[in-house]
């Protein structure tokens, strides 16, 4: 299950994923980011709360391929910042995904187990990213 919010004032997408993430859900999330409003907000920075995630049903190669399909749609003059809020026990499982997404100048990714760290990285108030979890 997932929930996507958009903060136009801070040009930020806030994504919360709980329980399980599968390829269909990942595709739906990326479609929402890149195709809604004709992709007008696809260059927004992103905060993803993955603390409620219990199971990932996507291998990293498939996830990387899915991200690559959409990232070529970005027409930005600056890198999109992505902050992944992940419990410490899962942090070690994301380096491959990080490398595959940061293979060009379109994304800057930070992985953290601290909500304060995520907010600071995205230059937003912690309450803004914390609201998605309420």
N, C-alpha and C. Protein backbone atom coordinates (compact mmCIF):
# COMPACT_ATOMS: atom_id res chain seq x y z
N UNK A 1 0.85 -1.17 0.00
CA UNK A 1 0.00 0.00 0.00
C UNK A 1 0.90 1.24 0.00
N UNK A 2 0.50 2.27 -0.73
CA UNK A 2 1.30 3.48 -0.81
C UNK A 2 0.42 4.71 -0.86
N UNK A 3 1.03 5.83 -0.45
CA UNK A 3 0.34 7.11 -0.46
C UNK A 3 1.33 8.15 -0.97
N UNK A 4 0.91 8.96 -1.92
CA UNK A 4 1.76 9.99 -2.50
C UNK A 4 1.10 11.35 -2.29
N UNK A 5 1.86 12.26 -1.70
CA UNK A 5 1.40 13.64 -1.50
C UNK A 5 2.34 14.57 -2.23
N UNK A 6 1.82 15.71 -2.60
CA UNK A 6 2.63 16.69 -3.31
C UNK A 6 2.56 18.02 -2.57
N UNK A 7 3.71 18.61 -2.30
CA UNK A 7 3.82 19.91 -1.66
C UNK A 7 4.37 20.87 -2.71
N UNK A 8 3.47 21.64 -3.33
CA UNK A 8 3.87 22.54 -4.41
C UNK A 8 4.74 23.70 -3.91
N UNK A 9 4.50 24.15 -2.66
CA UNK A 9 5.30 25.25 -2.12
C UNK A 9 6.78 24.89 -2.03
N UNK A 10 7.06 23.66 -1.62
CA UNK A 10 8.45 23.20 -1.48
C UNK A 10 8.92 22.35 -2.65
N UNK A 11 8.08 22.22 -3.67
CA UNK A 11 8.39 21.38 -4.83
C UNK A 11 8.90 20.01 -4.37
N UNK A 12 8.02 19.32 -3.64
CA UNK A 12 8.39 18.07 -3.00
C UNK A 12 7.27 17.04 -3.12
N UNK A 13 7.63 15.83 -3.54
CA UNK A 13 6.73 14.68 -3.45
C UNK A 13 7.05 13.96 -2.16
N UNK A 14 6.03 13.50 -1.46
CA UNK A 14 6.22 12.72 -0.24
C UNK A 14 5.51 11.39 -0.44
N UNK A 15 6.26 10.33 -0.36
CA UNK A 15 5.75 8.99 -0.61
C UNK A 15 5.88 8.15 0.65
N UNK A 16 4.81 7.47 0.99
CA UNK A 16 4.85 6.54 2.11
C UNK A 16 4.44 5.17 1.59
N UNK A 17 5.30 4.19 1.84
CA UNK A 17 5.04 2.82 1.41
C UNK A 17 4.99 1.94 2.65
N UNK A 18 3.93 1.15 2.76
CA UNK A 18 3.82 0.23 3.90
C UNK A 18 3.52 -1.17 3.40
N UNK A 19 3.76 -2.10 4.25
CA UNK A 19 3.55 -3.53 3.99
C UNK A 19 4.48 -4.05 2.90
N UNK A 20 3.98 -4.16 1.67
CA UNK A 20 4.75 -4.80 0.61
C UNK A 20 4.83 -3.89 -0.62
N UNK A 21 5.95 -3.93 -1.31
CA UNK A 21 6.10 -3.20 -2.55
C UNK A 21 6.34 -4.20 -3.66
N UNK A 22 5.49 -4.14 -4.70
CA UNK A 22 5.68 -5.03 -5.85
C UNK A 22 5.84 -4.18 -7.11
N UNK A 23 6.11 -4.83 -8.22
CA UNK A 23 6.40 -4.11 -9.46
C UNK A 23 5.20 -3.28 -9.93
N UNK A 24 3.99 -3.79 -9.79
CA UNK A 24 2.82 -3.02 -10.21
C UNK A 24 2.69 -1.73 -9.42
N UNK A 25 2.91 -1.82 -8.09
CA UNK A 25 2.83 -0.61 -7.27
C UNK A 25 3.94 0.38 -7.63
N UNK A 26 5.16 -0.13 -7.84
CA UNK A 26 6.26 0.75 -8.23
C UNK A 26 5.93 1.45 -9.54
N UNK A 27 5.40 0.73 -10.49
CA UNK A 27 5.01 1.34 -11.77
C UNK A 27 3.94 2.40 -11.58
N UNK A 28 2.95 2.12 -10.72
CA UNK A 28 1.90 3.10 -10.45
C UNK A 28 2.45 4.37 -9.81
N UNK A 29 3.38 4.20 -8.88
CA UNK A 29 4.00 5.35 -8.22
C UNK A 29 4.74 6.21 -9.25
N UNK A 30 5.55 5.58 -10.08
CA UNK A 30 6.32 6.32 -11.08
C UNK A 30 5.41 6.98 -12.11
N UNK A 31 4.33 6.31 -12.49
CA UNK A 31 3.37 6.93 -13.41
C UNK A 31 2.77 8.18 -12.78
N UNK A 32 2.42 8.10 -11.49
CA UNK A 32 1.83 9.26 -10.81
C UNK A 32 2.81 10.43 -10.79
N UNK A 33 4.07 10.16 -10.56
CA UNK A 33 5.07 11.23 -10.50
C UNK A 33 5.33 11.82 -11.88
N UNK A 34 5.45 10.97 -12.88
CA UNK A 34 5.90 11.43 -14.19
C UNK A 34 4.81 11.76 -15.19
N UNK A 35 3.59 11.32 -14.97
CA UNK A 35 2.56 11.58 -15.98
C UNK A 35 1.42 12.47 -15.50
N UNK A 36 1.15 12.56 -14.20
CA UNK A 36 0.07 13.44 -13.75
C UNK A 36 0.42 14.88 -14.08
N UNK A 37 -0.56 15.64 -14.45
CA UNK A 37 -0.36 17.04 -14.86
C UNK A 37 0.68 17.15 -15.97
N UNK A 38 0.68 16.17 -16.87
CA UNK A 38 1.62 16.12 -17.99
C UNK A 38 3.08 16.20 -17.54
N UNK A 39 3.35 15.65 -16.36
CA UNK A 39 4.72 15.60 -15.86
C UNK A 39 5.26 16.93 -15.37
N UNK A 40 4.37 17.91 -15.16
CA UNK A 40 4.81 19.25 -14.77
C UNK A 40 5.59 19.25 -13.46
N UNK A 41 5.30 18.32 -12.57
CA UNK A 41 6.00 18.31 -11.28
C UNK A 41 7.02 17.17 -11.17
N UNK A 42 7.39 16.57 -12.29
CA UNK A 42 8.32 15.44 -12.25
C UNK A 42 9.72 15.83 -11.79
N UNK A 43 10.02 17.13 -11.77
CA UNK A 43 11.33 17.57 -11.30
C UNK A 43 11.34 17.91 -9.81
N UNK A 44 10.21 17.70 -9.13
CA UNK A 44 10.16 17.93 -7.69
C UNK A 44 11.10 16.96 -6.98
N UNK A 45 11.67 17.42 -5.87
CA UNK A 45 12.44 16.53 -5.01
C UNK A 45 11.49 15.51 -4.39
N UNK A 46 12.06 14.44 -3.83
CA UNK A 46 11.21 13.37 -3.31
C UNK A 46 11.70 12.89 -1.95
N UNK A 47 10.73 12.67 -1.07
CA UNK A 47 10.97 12.05 0.23
C UNK A 47 10.17 10.76 0.24
N UNK A 48 10.83 9.66 0.53
CA UNK A 48 10.14 8.36 0.58
C UNK A 48 10.31 7.77 1.97
N UNK A 49 9.18 7.57 2.66
CA UNK A 49 9.18 6.93 3.97
C UNK A 49 8.97 5.43 3.76
N UNK A 50 10.01 4.67 3.98
CA UNK A 50 9.96 3.22 3.79
C UNK A 50 9.99 2.48 5.11
N UNK A 51 9.71 3.19 6.22
CA UNK A 51 9.80 2.56 7.54
C UNK A 51 8.71 1.52 7.77
N UNK A 52 7.60 1.59 7.05
CA UNK A 52 6.53 0.61 7.21
C UNK A 52 6.63 -0.56 6.25
N UNK A 53 7.67 -0.57 5.45
CA UNK A 53 7.85 -1.62 4.44
C UNK A 53 8.30 -2.92 5.09
N UNK A 54 7.55 -3.97 4.81
CA UNK A 54 7.86 -5.28 5.39
C UNK A 54 8.46 -6.24 4.38
N UNK A 55 8.13 -6.05 3.11
CA UNK A 55 8.59 -6.98 2.10
C UNK A 55 8.68 -6.28 0.74
N UNK A 56 9.76 -6.56 0.02
CA UNK A 56 9.93 -6.02 -1.32
C UNK A 56 9.90 -7.18 -2.29
N UNK A 57 8.93 -7.16 -3.19
CA UNK A 57 8.75 -8.24 -4.16
C UNK A 57 9.28 -7.86 -5.54
N UNK A 58 10.38 -7.10 -5.56
CA UNK A 58 10.98 -6.66 -6.82
C UNK A 58 12.48 -6.86 -6.69
N UNK A 59 13.09 -7.48 -7.69
CA UNK A 59 14.54 -7.59 -7.63
C UNK A 59 15.14 -6.26 -8.06
N UNK A 60 16.37 -6.00 -7.66
CA UNK A 60 16.97 -4.70 -7.91
C UNK A 60 17.18 -4.40 -9.38
N UNK A 61 17.44 -5.41 -10.21
CA UNK A 61 17.59 -5.17 -11.65
C UNK A 61 16.29 -4.68 -12.27
N UNK A 62 15.17 -5.29 -11.87
CA UNK A 62 13.86 -4.89 -12.39
C UNK A 62 13.52 -3.48 -11.91
N UNK A 63 13.79 -3.19 -10.64
CA UNK A 63 13.51 -1.85 -10.11
C UNK A 63 14.35 -0.81 -10.85
N UNK A 64 15.61 -1.10 -11.07
CA UNK A 64 16.49 -0.18 -11.78
C UNK A 64 15.99 0.07 -13.20
N UNK A 65 15.55 -0.97 -13.87
CA UNK A 65 15.01 -0.84 -15.23
C UNK A 65 13.76 0.03 -15.24
N UNK A 66 12.91 -0.15 -14.24
CA UNK A 66 11.68 0.63 -14.14
C UNK A 66 12.01 2.11 -13.91
N UNK A 67 12.97 2.40 -13.02
CA UNK A 67 13.38 3.78 -12.78
C UNK A 67 13.96 4.40 -14.05
N UNK A 68 14.79 3.64 -14.76
CA UNK A 68 15.43 4.16 -15.97
C UNK A 68 14.41 4.53 -17.04
N UNK A 69 13.33 3.76 -17.13
CA UNK A 69 12.28 4.03 -18.11
C UNK A 69 11.70 5.42 -17.91
N UNK A 70 11.51 5.80 -16.65
CA UNK A 70 10.89 7.09 -16.36
C UNK A 70 11.89 8.23 -16.24
N UNK A 71 13.09 7.95 -15.78
CA UNK A 71 14.01 9.06 -15.56
C UNK A 71 14.43 9.75 -16.85
N UNK A 72 14.33 9.07 -17.98
CA UNK A 72 14.66 9.73 -19.24
C UNK A 72 13.62 10.79 -19.61
N UNK A 73 12.49 10.83 -18.90
CA UNK A 73 11.46 11.83 -19.15
C UNK A 73 11.77 13.17 -18.49
N UNK A 74 12.72 13.20 -17.57
CA UNK A 74 13.03 14.41 -16.84
C UNK A 74 13.76 15.40 -17.73
N UNK A 75 13.29 16.60 -17.71
CA UNK A 75 13.94 17.72 -18.41
C UNK A 75 14.20 18.78 -17.35
N UNK A 76 15.24 18.57 -16.55
CA UNK A 76 15.50 19.47 -15.44
C UNK A 76 16.85 20.14 -15.60
N UNK A 77 16.94 21.37 -15.07
CA UNK A 77 18.21 22.08 -15.09
C UNK A 77 19.01 21.84 -13.82
N UNK A 78 18.47 21.02 -12.93
CA UNK A 78 19.16 20.67 -11.69
C UNK A 78 18.82 19.22 -11.33
N UNK A 79 19.68 18.56 -10.59
CA UNK A 79 19.37 17.19 -10.18
C UNK A 79 18.17 17.15 -9.23
N UNK A 80 17.38 16.12 -9.33
CA UNK A 80 16.27 15.89 -8.41
C UNK A 80 16.84 15.20 -7.18
N UNK A 81 16.56 15.76 -6.00
CA UNK A 81 17.04 15.16 -4.76
C UNK A 81 16.01 14.14 -4.28
N UNK A 82 16.50 12.98 -3.91
CA UNK A 82 15.64 11.92 -3.38
C UNK A 82 16.19 11.52 -2.02
N UNK A 83 15.34 11.54 -1.01
CA UNK A 83 15.75 11.12 0.32
C UNK A 83 14.91 9.92 0.73
N UNK A 84 15.58 8.81 1.00
CA UNK A 84 14.91 7.58 1.42
C UNK A 84 15.06 7.43 2.92
N UNK A 85 13.92 7.41 3.63
CA UNK A 85 13.89 7.21 5.08
C UNK A 85 13.67 5.73 5.32
N UNK A 86 14.74 5.05 5.74
CA UNK A 86 14.74 3.59 5.82
C UNK A 86 15.20 3.17 7.21
N UNK A 87 14.53 2.19 7.81
CA UNK A 87 15.03 1.68 9.10
C UNK A 87 16.44 1.13 8.94
N UNK A 88 17.24 1.28 9.96
CA UNK A 88 18.64 0.86 9.93
C UNK A 88 18.82 -0.56 9.42
N UNK A 89 17.92 -1.47 9.77
CA UNK A 89 18.10 -2.87 9.37
C UNK A 89 18.02 -3.08 7.86
N UNK A 90 17.44 -2.14 7.11
CA UNK A 90 17.33 -2.27 5.66
C UNK A 90 18.33 -1.43 4.88
N UNK A 91 19.01 -0.51 5.54
CA UNK A 91 19.89 0.43 4.85
C UNK A 91 20.92 -0.30 3.98
N UNK A 92 21.45 -1.40 4.44
CA UNK A 92 22.49 -2.09 3.69
C UNK A 92 21.98 -2.72 2.39
N UNK A 93 20.67 -2.87 2.22
CA UNK A 93 20.13 -3.49 1.03
C UNK A 93 19.92 -2.56 -0.14
N UNK A 94 20.20 -1.28 0.01
CA UNK A 94 19.88 -0.32 -1.03
C UNK A 94 21.06 0.25 -1.82
N UNK A 95 22.31 -0.11 -1.54
CA UNK A 95 23.40 0.50 -2.31
C UNK A 95 23.34 0.25 -3.81
N UNK A 96 22.94 -0.94 -4.25
CA UNK A 96 22.87 -1.22 -5.69
C UNK A 96 21.84 -0.30 -6.35
N UNK A 97 20.68 -0.17 -5.73
CA UNK A 97 19.64 0.70 -6.28
C UNK A 97 20.15 2.14 -6.32
N UNK A 98 20.84 2.55 -5.29
CA UNK A 98 21.42 3.89 -5.23
C UNK A 98 22.36 4.12 -6.41
N UNK A 99 23.27 3.18 -6.62
CA UNK A 99 24.24 3.33 -7.72
C UNK A 99 23.54 3.36 -9.07
N UNK A 100 22.52 2.53 -9.26
CA UNK A 100 21.86 2.48 -10.55
C UNK A 100 21.09 3.76 -10.84
N UNK A 101 20.54 4.39 -9.80
CA UNK A 101 19.78 5.62 -10.01
C UNK A 101 20.67 6.84 -10.12
N UNK A 102 21.84 6.78 -9.53
CA UNK A 102 22.71 7.95 -9.55
C UNK A 102 23.76 7.84 -10.65
N UNK A 103 23.50 7.03 -11.65
CA UNK A 103 24.44 6.82 -12.73
C UNK A 103 24.55 8.00 -13.68
N UNK A 104 23.77 9.03 -13.48
CA UNK A 104 23.90 10.24 -14.29
C UNK A 104 23.63 11.45 -13.41
N UNK A 105 23.47 12.61 -13.99
CA UNK A 105 23.31 13.83 -13.22
C UNK A 105 21.86 14.18 -12.90
N UNK A 106 20.92 13.27 -13.15
CA UNK A 106 19.51 13.58 -12.92
C UNK A 106 19.09 13.46 -11.46
N UNK A 107 19.76 12.61 -10.69
CA UNK A 107 19.34 12.36 -9.31
C UNK A 107 20.51 12.51 -8.35
N UNK A 108 20.21 13.00 -7.17
CA UNK A 108 21.11 12.96 -6.03
C UNK A 108 20.33 12.24 -4.94
N UNK A 109 20.87 11.15 -4.43
CA UNK A 109 20.11 10.32 -3.50
C UNK A 109 20.82 10.24 -2.16
N UNK A 110 20.04 10.35 -1.10
CA UNK A 110 20.54 10.23 0.25
C UNK A 110 19.70 9.18 0.95
N UNK A 111 20.35 8.23 1.60
CA UNK A 111 19.65 7.18 2.35
C UNK A 111 19.92 7.41 3.82
N UNK A 112 18.87 7.47 4.63
CA UNK A 112 19.03 7.80 6.04
C UNK A 112 18.06 7.02 6.90
N UNK A 113 18.45 6.82 8.14
CA UNK A 113 17.52 6.25 9.12
C UNK A 113 17.09 7.34 10.10
N UNK A 114 17.25 8.60 9.70
CA UNK A 114 16.90 9.75 10.52
C UNK A 114 15.97 10.68 9.76
N UNK A 115 14.81 10.94 10.34
CA UNK A 115 13.86 11.87 9.72
C UNK A 115 14.44 13.28 9.66
N UNK A 116 15.17 13.67 10.69
CA UNK A 116 15.84 14.98 10.69
C UNK A 116 16.82 15.08 9.53
N UNK A 117 17.58 14.01 9.31
CA UNK A 117 18.55 14.00 8.22
C UNK A 117 17.89 14.13 6.86
N UNK A 118 16.77 13.45 6.68
CA UNK A 118 16.03 13.54 5.41
C UNK A 118 15.55 14.96 5.16
N UNK A 119 14.95 15.57 6.17
CA UNK A 119 14.42 16.93 6.03
C UNK A 119 15.54 17.92 5.74
N UNK A 120 16.65 17.78 6.45
CA UNK A 120 17.79 18.69 6.24
C UNK A 120 18.33 18.54 4.82
N UNK A 121 18.47 17.33 4.35
CA UNK A 121 18.98 17.08 3.00
C UNK A 121 18.08 17.73 1.94
N UNK A 122 16.77 17.68 2.16
CA UNK A 122 15.81 18.24 1.19
C UNK A 122 15.54 19.72 1.43
N UNK A 123 16.15 20.30 2.47
CA UNK A 123 15.97 21.72 2.81
C UNK A 123 14.51 22.06 3.10
N UNK A 124 13.83 21.18 3.84
CA UNK A 124 12.45 21.41 4.24
C UNK A 124 12.33 21.22 5.75
N UNK A 125 11.25 21.73 6.29
CA UNK A 125 10.97 21.58 7.71
C UNK A 125 10.63 20.12 8.01
N UNK A 126 11.14 19.61 9.10
CA UNK A 126 10.87 18.22 9.49
C UNK A 126 9.37 17.95 9.59
N UNK A 127 8.60 18.93 10.04
CA UNK A 127 7.14 18.72 10.17
C UNK A 127 6.50 18.44 8.82
N UNK A 128 7.06 19.00 7.76
CA UNK A 128 6.51 18.77 6.42
C UNK A 128 6.59 17.32 6.01
N UNK A 129 7.73 16.69 6.25
CA UNK A 129 7.87 15.28 5.89
C UNK A 129 7.24 14.38 6.94
N UNK A 130 7.15 14.86 8.17
CA UNK A 130 6.55 14.05 9.23
C UNK A 130 5.03 13.95 9.07
N UNK A 131 4.40 14.96 8.46
CA UNK A 131 2.95 14.95 8.28
C UNK A 131 2.49 13.75 7.46
N UNK A 132 3.28 13.28 6.55
CA UNK A 132 2.88 12.13 5.72
C UNK A 132 2.73 10.88 6.57
N UNK A 133 3.46 10.81 7.68
CA UNK A 133 3.43 9.61 8.51
C UNK A 133 2.26 9.61 9.48
N UNK A 134 1.56 10.72 9.61
CA UNK A 134 0.42 10.81 10.55
C UNK A 134 -0.85 10.29 9.94
